[in-house]
Amino acid sequence: SADELASYQRQRDIIADAAAARLGIDAGRLRAAWAVADTDHQQALMGGLTQLGVPYRRNTSKPGVSFDCSGFTTYAWSQAGLNLARQSTAQIRAAAPRTKETAQAGDLVQAVAVFRLA
């Protein structure tokens, strides 16, 4: 219903504001990025945020206890009902290619370091 959608959007904005404050970034930009993401991406983001403060620990995926990188993304996306491979390389290989223009909040992207010799 329209009321449920409005309530969901208000809650999403409250979560975005809290995340922005914790990260020291602009809340309006974060809200806008989340608002244009599809529902699965939004649910994965919110699922991941429930684990803020949970420590990193290699080879683990225990909500509320510890995660490694791929364990965390597997958990977050499972909150949206999607199953990811457990290993990060397999996750990146299975992900649809994204550009700066097509990426949504919550997408898995591969970071590439570029070094320049002086």
PDB file of N, CA and C in Angstrom:
ATOM      1  N   SER A   1       0.832  -1.181   0.000  1.00  0.00           N
ATOM      2  CA  SER A   1       0.000   0.000   0.000  1.00  0.00           C
ATOM      3  C   SER A   1       0.883   1.254   0.000  1.00  0.00           C
ATOM      4  N   ALA A   2       0.278   2.354  -0.287  1.00  0.00           N
ATOM      5  CA  ALA A   2       1.008   3.631  -0.317  1.00  0.00           C
ATOM      6  C   ALA A   2       1.540   3.987   1.070  1.00  0.00           C
ATOM      7  N   ASP A   3       0.765   3.675   2.102  1.00  0.00           N
ATOM      8  CA  ASP A   3       1.223   3.969   3.472  1.00  0.00           C
ATOM      9  C   ASP A   3       2.430   3.123   3.843  1.00  0.00           C
ATOM     10  N   GLU A   4       2.425   1.851   3.460  1.00  0.00           N
ATOM     11  CA  GLU A   4       3.553   0.960   3.755  1.00  0.00           C
ATOM     12  C   GLU A   4       4.807   1.413   3.016  1.00  0.00           C
ATOM     13  N   LEU A   5       4.648   1.821   1.761  1.00  0.00           N
ATOM     14  CA  LEU A   5       5.786   2.314   0.990  1.00  0.00           C
ATOM     15  C   LEU A   5       6.355   3.580   1.630  1.00  0.00           C
ATOM     16  N   ALA A   6       5.496   4.491   2.026  1.00  0.00           N
ATOM     17  CA  ALA A   6       5.960   5.729   2.664  1.00  0.00           C
ATOM     18  C   ALA A   6       6.674   5.424   3.976  1.00  0.00           C
ATOM     19  N   SER A   7       6.153   4.470   4.738  1.00  0.00           N
ATOM     20  CA  SER A   7       6.793   4.083   5.996  1.00  0.00           C
ATOM     21  C   SER A   7       8.167   3.460   5.732  1.00  0.00           C
ATOM     22  N   TYR A   8       8.250   2.589   4.735  1.00  0.00           N
ATOM     23  CA  TYR A   8       9.525   1.975   4.360  1.00  0.00           C
ATOM     24  C   TYR A   8      10.538   3.052   3.962  1.00  0.00           C
ATOM     25  N   GLN A   9      10.105   3.998   3.142  1.00  0.00           N
ATOM     26  CA  GLN A   9      11.002   5.060   2.688  1.00  0.00           C
ATOM     27  C   GLN A   9      11.477   5.922   3.847  1.00  0.00           C
ATOM     28  N   ARG A  10      10.606   6.203   4.807  1.00  0.00           N
ATOM     29  CA  ARG A  10      11.017   6.971   5.993  1.00  0.00           C
ATOM     30  C   ARG A  10      12.066   6.194   6.789  1.00  0.00           C
ATOM     31  N   GLN A  11      11.835   4.911   6.984  1.00  0.00           N
ATOM     32  CA  GLN A  11      12.790   4.088   7.729  1.00  0.00           C
ATOM     33  C   GLN A  11      14.122   3.989   6.989  1.00  0.00           C
ATOM     34  N   ARG A  12      14.065   3.842   5.665  1.00  0.00           N
ATOM     35  CA  ARG A  12      15.287   3.792   4.859  1.00  0.00           C
ATOM     36  C   ARG A  12      16.076   5.087   5.024  1.00  0.00           C
ATOM     37  N   ASP A  13      15.399   6.222   5.020  1.00  0.00           N
ATOM     38  CA  ASP A  13      16.077   7.510   5.174  1.00  0.00           C
ATOM     39  C   ASP A  13      16.680   7.669   6.571  1.00  0.00           C
ATOM     40  N   ILE A  14      15.997   7.175   7.583  1.00  0.00           N
ATOM     41  CA  ILE A  14      16.533   7.219   8.949  1.00  0.00           C
ATOM     42  C   ILE A  14      17.821   6.398   9.029  1.00  0.00           C
ATOM     43  N   ILE A  15      17.811   5.219   8.412  1.00  0.00           N
ATOM     44  CA  ILE A  15      18.999   4.364   8.408  1.00  0.00           C
ATOM     45  C   ILE A  15      20.127   5.038   7.622  1.00  0.00           C
ATOM     46  N   ALA A  16      19.794   5.636   6.488  1.00  0.00           N
ATOM     47  CA  ALA A  16      20.804   6.333   5.686  1.00  0.00           C
ATOM     48  C   ALA A  16      21.409   7.496   6.468  1.00  0.00           C
ATOM     49  N   ASP A  17      20.585   8.240   7.175  1.00  0.00           N
ATOM     50  CA  ASP A  17      21.080   9.365   7.979  1.00  0.00           C
ATOM     51  C   ASP A  17      22.039   8.872   9.057  1.00  0.00           C
ATOM     52  N   ALA A  18      21.673   7.771   9.727  1.00  0.00           N
ATOM     53  CA  ALA A  18      22.537   7.223  10.782  1.00  0.00           C
ATOM     54  C   ALA A  18      23.853   6.723  10.199  1.00  0.00           C
ATOM     55  N   ALA A  19      23.789   6.048   9.057  1.00  0.00           N
ATOM     56  CA  ALA A  19      25.012   5.552   8.416  1.00  0.00           C
ATOM     57  C   ALA A  19      25.896   6.716   7.984  1.00  0.00           C
ATOM     58  N   ALA A  20      25.296   7.749   7.408  1.00  0.00           N
ATOM     59  CA  ALA A  20      26.062   8.915   6.962  1.00  0.00           C
ATOM     60  C   ALA A  20      26.746   9.597   8.137  1.00  0.00           C
ATOM     61  N   ALA A  21      26.036   9.724   9.248  1.00  0.00           N
ATOM     62  CA  ALA A  21      26.628  10.353  10.436  1.00  0.00           C
ATOM     63  C   ALA A  21      27.812   9.531  10.937  1.00  0.00           C
ATOM     64  N   ARG A  22      27.660   8.231  10.945  1.00  0.00           N
ATOM     65  CA  ARG A  22      28.745   7.363  11.425  1.00  0.00           C
ATOM     66  C   ARG A  22      29.949   7.410  10.494  1.00  0.00           C
ATOM     67  N   LEU A  23      29.680   7.524   9.194  1.00  0.00           N
ATOM     68  CA  LEU A  23      30.757   7.529   8.208  1.00  0.00           C
ATOM     69  C   LEU A  23      31.302   8.925   7.914  1.00  0.00           C
ATOM     70  N   GLY A  24      30.626   9.951   8.412  1.00  0.00           N
ATOM     71  CA  GLY A  24      31.066  11.318   8.172  1.00  0.00           C
ATOM     72  C   GLY A  24      30.876  11.774   6.733  1.00  0.00           C
ATOM     73  N   ILE A  25      29.785  11.311   6.117  1.00  0.00           N
ATOM     74  CA  ILE A  25      29.500  11.695   4.727  1.00  0.00           C
ATOM     75  C   ILE A  25      28.156  12.416   4.660  1.00  0.00           C
ATOM     76  N   ASP A  26      27.863  12.999   3.520  1.00  0.00           N
ATOM     77  CA  ASP A  26      26.645  13.769   3.318  1.00  0.00           C
ATOM     78  C   ASP A  26      25.417  12.852   3.299  1.00  0.00           C
ATOM     79  N   ALA A  27      24.504  13.062   4.241  1.00  0.00           N
ATOM     80  CA  ALA A  27      23.311  12.226   4.363  1.00  0.00           C
ATOM     81  C   ALA A  27      22.397  12.363   3.151  1.00  0.00           C
ATOM     82  N   GLY A  28      22.266  13.557   2.616  1.00  0.00           N
ATOM     83  CA  GLY A  28      21.402  13.767   1.454  1.00  0.00           C
ATOM     84  C   GLY A  28      21.858  12.973   0.251  1.00  0.00           C
ATOM     85  N   ARG A  29      23.163  12.948   0.018  1.00  0.00           N
ATOM     86  CA  ARG A  29      23.698  12.168  -1.115  1.00  0.00           C
ATOM     87  C   ARG A  29      23.500  10.671  -0.893  1.00  0.00           C
ATOM     88  N   LEU A  30      23.681  10.225   0.350  1.00  0.00           N
ATOM     89  CA  LEU A  30      23.488   8.814   0.640  1.00  0.00           C
ATOM     90  C   LEU A  30      22.024   8.430   0.468  1.00  0.00           C
ATOM     91  N   ARG A  31      21.113   9.253   0.990  1.00  0.00           N
ATOM     92  CA  ARG A  31      19.685   8.991   0.807  1.00  0.00           C
ATOM     93  C   ARG A  31      19.320   8.908  -0.671  1.00  0.00           C
ATOM     94  N   ALA A  32      19.849   9.847  -1.448  1.00  0.00           N
ATOM     95  CA  ALA A  32      19.538   9.871  -2.886  1.00  0.00           C
ATOM     96  C   ALA A  32      20.055   8.613  -3.586  1.00  0.00           C
ATOM     97  N   ALA A  33      21.265   8.182  -3.234  1.00  0.00           N
ATOM     98  CA  ALA A  33      21.834   6.980  -3.847  1.00  0.00           C
ATOM     99  C   ALA A  33      21.004   5.750  -3.500  1.00  0.00           C
ATOM    100  N   TRP A  34      20.589   5.667  -2.256  1.00  0.00           N
ATOM    101  CA  TRP A  34      19.781   4.515  -1.851  1.00  0.00           C
ATOM    102  C   TRP A  34      18.402   4.542  -2.494  1.00  0.00           C
ATOM    103  N   ALA A  35      17.836   5.726  -2.651  1.00  0.00           N
ATOM    104  CA  ALA A  35      16.481   5.841  -3.193  1.00  0.00           C
ATOM    105  C   ALA A  35      16.387   5.352  -4.632  1.00  0.00           C
ATOM    106  N   VAL A  36      17.461   5.485  -5.398  1.00  0.00           N
ATOM    107  CA  VAL A  36      17.412   5.039  -6.793  1.00  0.00           C
ATOM    108  C   VAL A  36      17.847   3.592  -6.963  1.00  0.00           C
ATOM    109  N   ALA A  37      18.354   2.972  -5.899  1.00  0.00           N
ATOM    110  CA  ALA A  37      18.725   1.555  -5.961  1.00  0.00           C
ATOM    111  C   ALA A  37      17.456   0.706  -5.920  1.00  0.00           C
ATOM    112  N   ASP A  38      17.507  -0.468  -6.563  1.00  0.00           N
ATOM    113  CA  ASP A  38      16.331  -1.331  -6.517  1.00  0.00           C
ATOM    114  C   ASP A  38      16.170  -1.934  -5.121  1.00  0.00           C
ATOM    115  N   THR A  39      15.032  -2.551  -4.893  1.00  0.00           N
ATOM    116  CA  THR A  39      14.689  -3.061  -3.562  1.00  0.00           C
ATOM    117  C   THR A  39      15.699  -4.080  -3.053  1.00  0.00           C
ATOM    118  N   ASP A  40      16.170  -4.988  -3.917  1.00  0.00           N
ATOM    119  CA  ASP A  40      17.164  -5.973  -3.474  1.00  0.00           C
ATOM    120  C   ASP A  40      18.422  -5.292  -2.956  1.00  0.00           C
ATOM    121  N   HIS A  41      18.906  -4.286  -3.680  1.00  0.00           N
ATOM    122  CA  HIS A  41      20.098  -3.555  -3.243  1.00  0.00           C
ATOM    123  C   HIS A  41      19.848  -2.861  -1.899  1.00  0.00           C
ATOM    124  N   GLN A  42      18.683  -2.244  -1.763  1.00  0.00           N
ATOM    125  CA  GLN A  42      18.357  -1.569  -0.506  1.00  0.00           C
ATOM    126  C   GLN A  42      18.321  -2.564   0.653  1.00  0.00           C
ATOM    127  N   GLN A  43      17.723  -3.726   0.438  1.00  0.00           N
ATOM    128  CA  GLN A  43      17.641  -4.725   1.503  1.00  0.00           C
ATOM    129  C   GLN A  43      19.023  -5.269   1.852  1.00  0.00           C
ATOM    130  N   ALA A  44      19.879  -5.473   0.863  1.00  0.00           N
ATOM    131  CA  ALA A  44      21.244  -5.937   1.132  1.00  0.00           C
ATOM    132  C   ALA A  44      22.007  -4.891   1.944  1.00  0.00           C
ATOM    133  N   LEU A  45      21.861  -3.626   1.576  1.00  0.00           N
ATOM    134  CA  LEU A  45      22.513  -2.551   2.329  1.00  0.00           C
ATOM    135  C   LEU A  45      22.059  -2.538   3.781  1.00  0.00           C
ATOM    136  N   MET A  46      20.767  -2.580   3.982  1.00  0.00           N
ATOM    137  CA  MET A  46      20.244  -2.531   5.344  1.00  0.00           C
ATOM    138  C   MET A  46      20.639  -3.777   6.131  1.00  0.00           C
ATOM    139  N   GLY A  47      20.655  -4.933   5.463  1.00  0.00           N
ATOM    140  CA  GLY A  47      21.114  -6.152   6.128  1.00  0.00           C
ATOM    141  C   GLY A  47      22.560  -6.037   6.556  1.00  0.00           C
ATOM    142  N   GLY A  48      23.398  -5.488   5.677  1.00  0.00           N
ATOM    143  CA  GLY A  48      24.803  -5.296   6.018  1.00  0.00           C
ATOM    144  C   GLY A  48      24.990  -4.322   7.158  1.00  0.00           C
ATOM    145  N   LEU A  49      24.192  -3.276   7.181  1.00  0.00           N
ATOM    146  CA  LEU A  49      24.323  -2.274   8.237  1.00  0.00           C
ATOM    147  C   LEU A  49      23.972  -2.823   9.613  1.00  0.00           C
ATOM    148  N   THR A  50      23.185  -3.888   9.661  1.00  0.00           N
ATOM    149  CA  THR A  50      22.884  -4.485  10.968  1.00  0.00           C
ATOM    150  C   THR A  50      24.131  -5.087  11.600  1.00  0.00           C
ATOM    151  N   GLN A  51      25.190  -5.236  10.813  1.00  0.00           N
ATOM    152  CA  GLN A  51      26.411  -5.863  11.311  1.00  0.00           C
ATOM    153  C   GLN A  51      27.545  -4.861  11.542  1.00  0.00           C
ATOM    154  N   LEU A  52      27.230  -3.562  11.511  1.00  0.00           N
ATOM    155  CA  LEU A  52      28.250  -2.556  11.803  1.00  0.00           C
ATOM    156  C   LEU A  52      28.878  -2.838  13.163  1.00  0.00           C
ATOM    157  N   GLY A  53      30.174  -2.787  13.215  1.00  0.00           N
ATOM    158  CA  GLY A  53      30.882  -3.017  14.471  1.00  0.00           C
ATOM    159  C   GLY A  53      31.281  -4.460  14.700  1.00  0.00           C
ATOM    160  N   VAL A  54      30.758  -5.380  13.901  1.00  0.00           N
ATOM    161  CA  VAL A  54      31.152  -6.786  14.019  1.00  0.00           C
ATOM    162  C   VAL A  54      32.574  -6.897  13.470  1.00  0.00           C
ATOM    163  N   PRO A  55      33.487  -7.504  14.205  1.00  0.00           N
ATOM    164  CA  PRO A  55      34.889  -7.521  13.785  1.00  0.00           C
ATOM    165  C   PRO A  55      35.162  -8.398  12.570  1.00  0.00           C
ATOM    166  N   TYR A  56      36.252  -8.035  11.874  1.00  0.00           N
ATOM    167  CA  TYR A  56      36.762  -8.844  10.773  1.00  0.00           C
ATOM    168  C   TYR A  56      37.521 -10.025  11.365  1.00  0.00           C
ATOM    169  N   ARG A  57      37.268 -11.180  10.815  1.00  0.00           N
ATOM    170  CA  ARG A  57      38.045 -12.360  11.182  1.00  0.00           C
ATOM    171  C   ARG A  57      38.088 -13.258   9.954  1.00  0.00           C
ATOM    172  N   ARG A  58      39.271 -13.626   9.553  1.00  0.00           N
ATOM    173  CA  ARG A  58      39.483 -14.430   8.352  1.00  0.00           C
ATOM    174  C   ARG A  58      38.689 -15.746   8.417  1.00  0.00           C
ATOM    175  N   ASN A  59      38.141 -16.123   7.271  1.00  0.00           N
ATOM    176  CA  ASN A  59      37.417 -17.384   7.091  1.00  0.00           C
ATOM    177  C   ASN A  59      36.211 -17.549   8.018  1.00  0.00           C
ATOM    178  N   THR A  60      35.517 -16.440   8.292  1.00  0.00           N
ATOM    179  CA  THR A  60      34.329 -16.543   9.131  1.00  0.00           C
ATOM    180  C   THR A  60      33.140 -15.819   8.520  1.00  0.00           C
ATOM    181  N   SER A  61      31.982 -16.296   8.897  1.00  0.00           N
ATOM    182  CA  SER A  61      30.728 -15.685   8.486  1.00  0.00           C
ATOM    183  C   SER A  61      29.703 -15.973   9.572  1.00  0.00           C
ATOM    184  N   LYS A  62      29.844 -15.254  10.682  1.00  0.00           N
ATOM    185  CA  LYS A  62      28.980 -15.470  11.835  1.00  0.00           C
ATOM    186  C   LYS A  62      28.339 -14.142  12.228  1.00  0.00           C
ATOM    187  N   PRO A  63      27.068 -13.936  11.853  1.00  0.00           N
ATOM    188  CA  PRO A  63      26.401 -12.684  12.192  1.00  0.00           C
ATOM    189  C   PRO A  63      26.519 -12.371  13.684  1.00  0.00           C
ATOM    190  N   GLY A  64      26.872 -11.126  13.967  1.00  0.00           N
ATOM    191  CA  GLY A  64      27.007 -10.678  15.339  1.00  0.00           C
ATOM    192  C   GLY A  64      28.305 -11.086  16.003  1.00  0.00           C
ATOM    193  N   VAL A  65      29.120 -11.909  15.336  1.00  0.00           N
ATOM    194  CA  VAL A  65      30.370 -12.406  15.917  1.00  0.00           C
ATOM    195  C   VAL A  65      31.565 -11.925  15.106  1.00  0.00           C
ATOM    196  N   SER A  66      31.664 -12.351  13.842  1.00  0.00           N
ATOM    197  CA  SER A  66      32.772 -11.935  12.975  1.00  0.00           C
ATOM    198  C   SER A  66      32.485 -12.325  11.532  1.00  0.00           C
ATOM    199  N   PHE A  67      33.111 -11.580  10.629  1.00  0.00           N
ATOM    200  CA  PHE A  67      33.000 -11.834   9.192  1.00  0.00           C
ATOM    201  C   PHE A  67      34.349 -11.604   8.543  1.00  0.00           C
ATOM    202  N   ASP A  68      34.582 -12.293   7.427  1.00  0.00           N
ATOM    203  CA  ASP A  68      35.607 -11.845   6.499  1.00  0.00           C
ATOM    204  C   ASP A  68      34.852 -11.127   5.375  1.00  0.00           C
ATOM    205  N   CYS A  69      35.569 -10.610   4.402  1.00  0.00           N
ATOM    206  CA  CYS A  69      34.926  -9.770   3.366  1.00  0.00           C
ATOM    207  C   CYS A  69      33.821 -10.513   2.623  1.00  0.00           C
ATOM    208  N   SER A  70      34.140 -11.686   2.096  1.00  0.00           N
ATOM    209  CA  SER A  70      33.141 -12.408   1.307  1.00  0.00           C
ATOM    210  C   SER A  70      32.028 -12.957   2.193  1.00  0.00           C
ATOM    211  N   GLY A  71      32.341 -13.286   3.431  1.00  0.00           N
ATOM    212  CA  GLY A  71      31.299 -13.724   4.355  1.00  0.00           C
ATOM    213  C   GLY A  71      30.302 -12.617   4.631  1.00  0.00           C
ATOM    214  N   PHE A  72      30.822 -11.399   4.731  1.00  0.00           N
ATOM    215  CA  PHE A  72      29.955 -10.252   4.969  1.00  0.00           C
ATOM    216  C   PHE A  72      29.032  -9.997   3.776  1.00  0.00           C
ATOM    217  N   THR A  73      29.593 -10.002   2.562  1.00  0.00           N
ATOM    218  CA  THR A  73      28.742  -9.748   1.391  1.00  0.00           C
ATOM    219  C   THR A  73      27.738 -10.877   1.190  1.00  0.00           C
ATOM    220  N   THR A  74      28.147 -12.115   1.467  1.00  0.00           N
ATOM    221  CA  THR A  74      27.215 -13.242   1.376  1.00  0.00           C
ATOM    222  C   THR A  74      26.056 -13.030   2.346  1.00  0.00           C
ATOM    223  N   TYR A  75      26.378 -12.629   3.572  1.00  0.00           N
ATOM    224  CA  TYR A  75      25.337 -12.379   4.570  1.00  0.00           C
ATOM    225  C   TYR A  75      24.413 -11.236   4.132  1.00  0.00           C
ATOM    226  N   ALA A  76      24.997 -10.103   3.754  1.00  0.00           N
ATOM    227  CA  ALA A  76      24.184  -8.937   3.401  1.00  0.00           C
ATOM    228  C   ALA A  76      23.213  -9.264   2.268  1.00  0.00           C
ATOM    229  N   TRP A  77      23.701  -9.903   1.231  1.00  0.00           N
ATOM    230  CA  TRP A  77      22.821 -10.219   0.104  1.00  0.00           C
ATOM    231  C   TRP A  77      21.812 -11.300   0.438  1.00  0.00           C
ATOM    232  N   SER A  78      22.136 -12.176   1.402  1.00  0.00           N
ATOM    233  CA  SER A  78      21.150 -13.187   1.813  1.00  0.00           C
ATOM    234  C   SER A  78      19.940 -12.513   2.469  1.00  0.00           C
ATOM    235  N   GLN A  79      20.144 -11.341   3.060  1.00  0.00           N
ATOM    236  CA  GLN A  79      19.040 -10.600   3.671  1.00  0.00           C
ATOM    237  C   GLN A  79      18.060 -10.097   2.623  1.00  0.00           C
ATOM    238  N   ALA A  80      18.516 -10.026   1.378  1.00  0.00           N
ATOM    239  CA  ALA A  80      17.642  -9.647   0.266  1.00  0.00           C
ATOM    240  C   ALA A  80      17.126 -10.892  -0.464  1.00  0.00           C
ATOM    241  N   GLY A  81      17.450 -12.077   0.084  1.00  0.00           N
ATOM    242  CA  GLY A  81      16.966 -13.319  -0.516  1.00  0.00           C
ATOM    243  C   GLY A  81      17.824 -13.850  -1.647  1.00  0.00           C
ATOM    244  N   LEU A  82      19.043 -13.329  -1.778  1.00  0.00           N
ATOM    245  CA  LEU A  82      19.920 -13.776  -2.861  1.00  0.00           C
ATOM    246  C   LEU A  82      21.099 -14.554  -2.294  1.00  0.00           C
ATOM    247  N   ASN A  83      21.469 -15.611  -2.976  1.00  0.00           N
ATOM    248  CA  ASN A  83      22.589 -16.439  -2.546  1.00  0.00           C
ATOM    249  C   ASN A  83      23.808 -16.133  -3.391  1.00  0.00           C
ATOM    250  N   LEU A  84      24.886 -15.734  -2.728  1.00  0.00           N
ATOM    251  CA  LEU A  84      26.163 -15.480  -3.398  1.00  0.00           C
ATOM    252  C   LEU A  84      27.112 -16.625  -3.100  1.00  0.00           C
ATOM    253  N   ALA A  85      28.074 -16.822  -3.992  1.00  0.00           N
ATOM    254  CA  ALA A  85      29.151 -17.762  -3.722  1.00  0.00           C
ATOM    255  C   ALA A  85      29.876 -17.292  -2.467  1.00  0.00           C
ATOM    256  N   ARG A  86      30.496 -18.202  -1.748  1.00  0.00           N
ATOM    257  CA  ARG A  86      31.151 -17.837  -0.490  1.00  0.00           C
ATOM    258  C   ARG A  86      32.507 -17.186  -0.716  1.00  0.00           C
ATOM    259  N   GLN A  87      33.149 -17.419  -1.838  1.00  0.00           N
ATOM    260  CA  GLN A  87      34.506 -16.920  -2.083  1.00  0.00           C
ATOM    261  C   GLN A  87      34.447 -15.630  -2.897  1.00  0.00           C
ATOM    262  N   SER A  88      35.252 -14.635  -2.519  1.00  0.00           N
ATOM    263  CA  SER A  88      35.169 -13.304  -3.134  1.00  0.00           C
ATOM    264  C   SER A  88      35.465 -13.315  -4.629  1.00  0.00           C
ATOM    265  N   THR A  89      36.432 -14.105  -5.072  1.00  0.00           N
ATOM    266  CA  THR A  89      36.733 -14.154  -6.507  1.00  0.00           C
ATOM    267  C   THR A  89      35.526 -14.661  -7.280  1.00  0.00           C
ATOM    268  N   ALA A  90      34.861 -15.665  -6.772  1.00  0.00           N
ATOM    269  CA  ALA A  90      33.663 -16.189  -7.427  1.00  0.00           C
ATOM    270  C   ALA A  90      32.541 -15.156  -7.415  1.00  0.00           C
ATOM    271  N   GLN A  91      32.440 -14.370  -6.336  1.00  0.00           N
ATOM    272  CA  GLN A  91      31.422 -13.321  -6.281  1.00  0.00           C
ATOM    273  C   GLN A  91      31.658 -12.283  -7.370  1.00  0.00           C
ATOM    274  N   ILE A  92      32.894 -11.830  -7.506  1.00  0.00           N
ATOM    275  CA  ILE A  92      33.213 -10.816  -8.518  1.00  0.00           C
ATOM    276  C   ILE A  92      32.991 -11.370  -9.924  1.00  0.00           C
ATOM    277  N   ARG A  93      33.408 -12.612 -10.163  1.00  0.00           N
ATOM    278  CA  ARG A  93      33.225 -13.214 -11.496  1.00  0.00           C
ATOM    279  C   ARG A  93      31.756 -13.355 -11.856  1.00  0.00           C
ATOM    280  N   ALA A  94      30.907 -13.622 -10.866  1.00  0.00           N
ATOM    281  CA  ALA A  94      29.479 -13.808 -11.124  1.00  0.00           C
ATOM    282  C   ALA A  94      28.716 -12.488 -11.217  1.00  0.00           C
ATOM    283  N   ALA A  95      29.308 -11.416 -10.725  1.00  0.00           N
ATOM    284  CA  ALA A  95      28.622 -10.119 -10.707  1.00  0.00           C
ATOM    285  C   ALA A  95      28.510  -9.554 -12.119  1.00  0.00           C
ATOM    286  N   ALA A  96      27.403  -8.886 -12.374  1.00  0.00           N
ATOM    287  CA  ALA A  96      27.228  -8.208 -13.659  1.00  0.00           C
ATOM    288  C   ALA A  96      28.193  -7.026 -13.716  1.00  0.00           C
ATOM    289  N   PRO A  97      28.809  -6.807 -14.864  1.00  0.00           N
ATOM    290  CA  PRO A  97      29.726  -5.660 -14.981  1.00  0.00           C
ATOM    291  C   PRO A  97      29.010  -4.345 -14.682  1.00  0.00           C
ATOM    292  N   ARG A  98      29.694  -3.457 -13.997  1.00  0.00           N
ATOM    293  CA  ARG A  98      29.139  -2.156 -13.655  1.00  0.00           C
ATOM    294  C   ARG A  98      30.111  -1.059 -14.053  1.00  0.00           C
ATOM    295  N   THR A  99      29.549   0.060 -14.425  1.00  0.00           N
ATOM    296  CA  THR A  99      30.335   1.266 -14.648  1.00  0.00           C
ATOM    297  C   THR A  99      29.914   2.262 -13.571  1.00  0.00           C
ATOM    298  N   LYS A 100      30.577   3.384 -13.540  1.00  0.00           N
ATOM    299  CA  LYS A 100      30.179   4.430 -12.589  1.00  0.00           C
ATOM    300  C   LYS A 100      28.724   4.825 -12.818  1.00  0.00           C
ATOM    301  N   GLU A 101      28.284   4.805 -14.057  1.00  0.00           N
ATOM    302  CA  GLU A 101      26.925   5.218 -14.397  1.00  0.00           C
ATOM    303  C   GLU A 101      25.894   4.148 -14.060  1.00  0.00           C
ATOM    304  N   THR A 102      26.254   2.859 -14.113  1.00  0.00           N
ATOM    305  CA  THR A 102      25.274   1.798 -13.899  1.00  0.00           C
ATOM    306  C   THR A 102      25.303   1.205 -12.494  1.00  0.00           C
ATOM    307  N   ALA A 103      26.316   1.538 -11.696  1.00  0.00           N
ATOM    308  CA  ALA A 103      26.423   0.974 -10.343  1.00  0.00           C
ATOM    309  C   ALA A 103      25.316   1.510  -9.444  1.00  0.00           C
ATOM    310  N   GLN A 104      24.815   0.631  -8.584  1.00  0.00           N
ATOM    311  CA  GLN A 104      23.831   1.007  -7.578  1.00  0.00           C
ATOM    312  C   GLN A 104      24.461   0.828  -6.201  1.00  0.00           C
ATOM    313  N   ALA A 105      23.921   1.539  -5.239  1.00  0.00           N
ATOM    314  CA  ALA A 105      24.351   1.338  -3.858  1.00  0.00           C
ATOM    315  C   ALA A 105      24.171  -0.135  -3.525  1.00  0.00           C
ATOM    316  N   GLY A 106      25.219  -0.752  -2.992  1.00  0.00           N
ATOM    317  CA  GLY A 106      25.164  -2.164  -2.637  1.00  0.00           C
ATOM    318  C   GLY A 106      25.804  -3.093  -3.649  1.00  0.00           C
ATOM    319  N   ASP A 107      26.135  -2.587  -4.846  1.00  0.00           N
ATOM    320  CA  ASP A 107      26.788  -3.432  -5.840  1.00  0.00           C
ATOM    321  C   ASP A 107      28.172  -3.847  -5.369  1.00  0.00           C
ATOM    322  N   LEU A 108      28.582  -5.019  -5.780  1.00  0.00           N
ATOM    323  CA  LEU A 108      29.945  -5.477  -5.529  1.00  0.00           C
ATOM    324  C   LEU A 108      30.804  -4.985  -6.677  1.00  0.00           C
ATOM    325  N   VAL A 109      31.851  -4.282  -6.358  1.00  0.00           N
ATOM    326  CA  VAL A 109      32.767  -3.785  -7.378  1.00  0.00           C
ATOM    327  C   VAL A 109      34.185  -4.179  -6.996  1.00  0.00           C
ATOM    328  N   GLN A 110      34.978  -4.367  -7.999  1.00  0.00           N
ATOM    329  CA  GLN A 110      36.372  -4.732  -7.762  1.00  0.00           C
ATOM    330  C   GLN A 110      37.207  -3.468  -7.761  1.00  0.00           C
ATOM    331  N   ALA A 111      37.929  -3.261  -6.685  1.00  0.00           N
ATOM    332  CA  ALA A 111      38.807  -2.095  -6.581  1.00  0.00           C
ATOM    333  C   ALA A 111      40.098  -2.382  -7.324  1.00  0.00           C
ATOM    334  N   VAL A 112      40.542  -1.404  -8.060  1.00  0.00           N
ATOM    335  CA  VAL A 112      41.789  -1.531  -8.798  1.00  0.00           C
ATOM    336  C   VAL A 112      42.708  -0.406  -8.345  1.00  0.00           C
ATOM    337  N   ALA A 113      43.856  -0.777  -7.876  1.00  0.00           N
ATOM    338  CA  ALA A 113      44.838   0.228  -7.438  1.00  0.00           C
ATOM    339  C   ALA A 113      45.701   0.610  -8.626  1.00  0.00           C
ATOM    340  N   VAL A 114      45.912   1.888  -8.781  1.00  0.00           N
ATOM    341  CA  VAL A 114      46.747   2.391  -9.860  1.00  0.00           C
ATOM    342  C   VAL A 114      47.914   3.125  -9.205  1.00  0.00           C
ATOM    343  N   PHE A 115      49.110   2.731  -9.556  1.00  0.00           N
ATOM    344  CA  PHE A 115      50.303   3.351  -8.997  1.00  0.00           C
ATOM    345  C   PHE A 115      51.029   4.107 -10.092  1.00  0.00           C
ATOM    346  N   ARG A 116      51.554   5.238  -9.750  1.00  0.00           N
ATOM    347  CA  ARG A 116      52.259   6.060 -10.708  1.00  0.00           C
ATOM    348  C   ARG A 116      53.650   6.337 -10.158  1.00  0.00           C
ATOM    349  N   LEU A 117      54.617   5.984 -10.917  1.00  0.00           N
ATOM    350  CA  LEU A 117      55.999   6.208 -10.504  1.00  0.00           C
ATOM    351  C   LEU A 117      56.413   7.613 -10.863  1.00  0.00           C
ATOM    352  N   ALA A 118      57.033   8.299  -9.940  1.00  0.00           N
ATOM    353  CA  ALA A 118      57.456   9.677 -10.196  1.00  0.00           C
ATOM    354  C   ALA A 118      58.735   9.712 -10.991  1.00  0.00           C
TER     355      ALA A 118
END
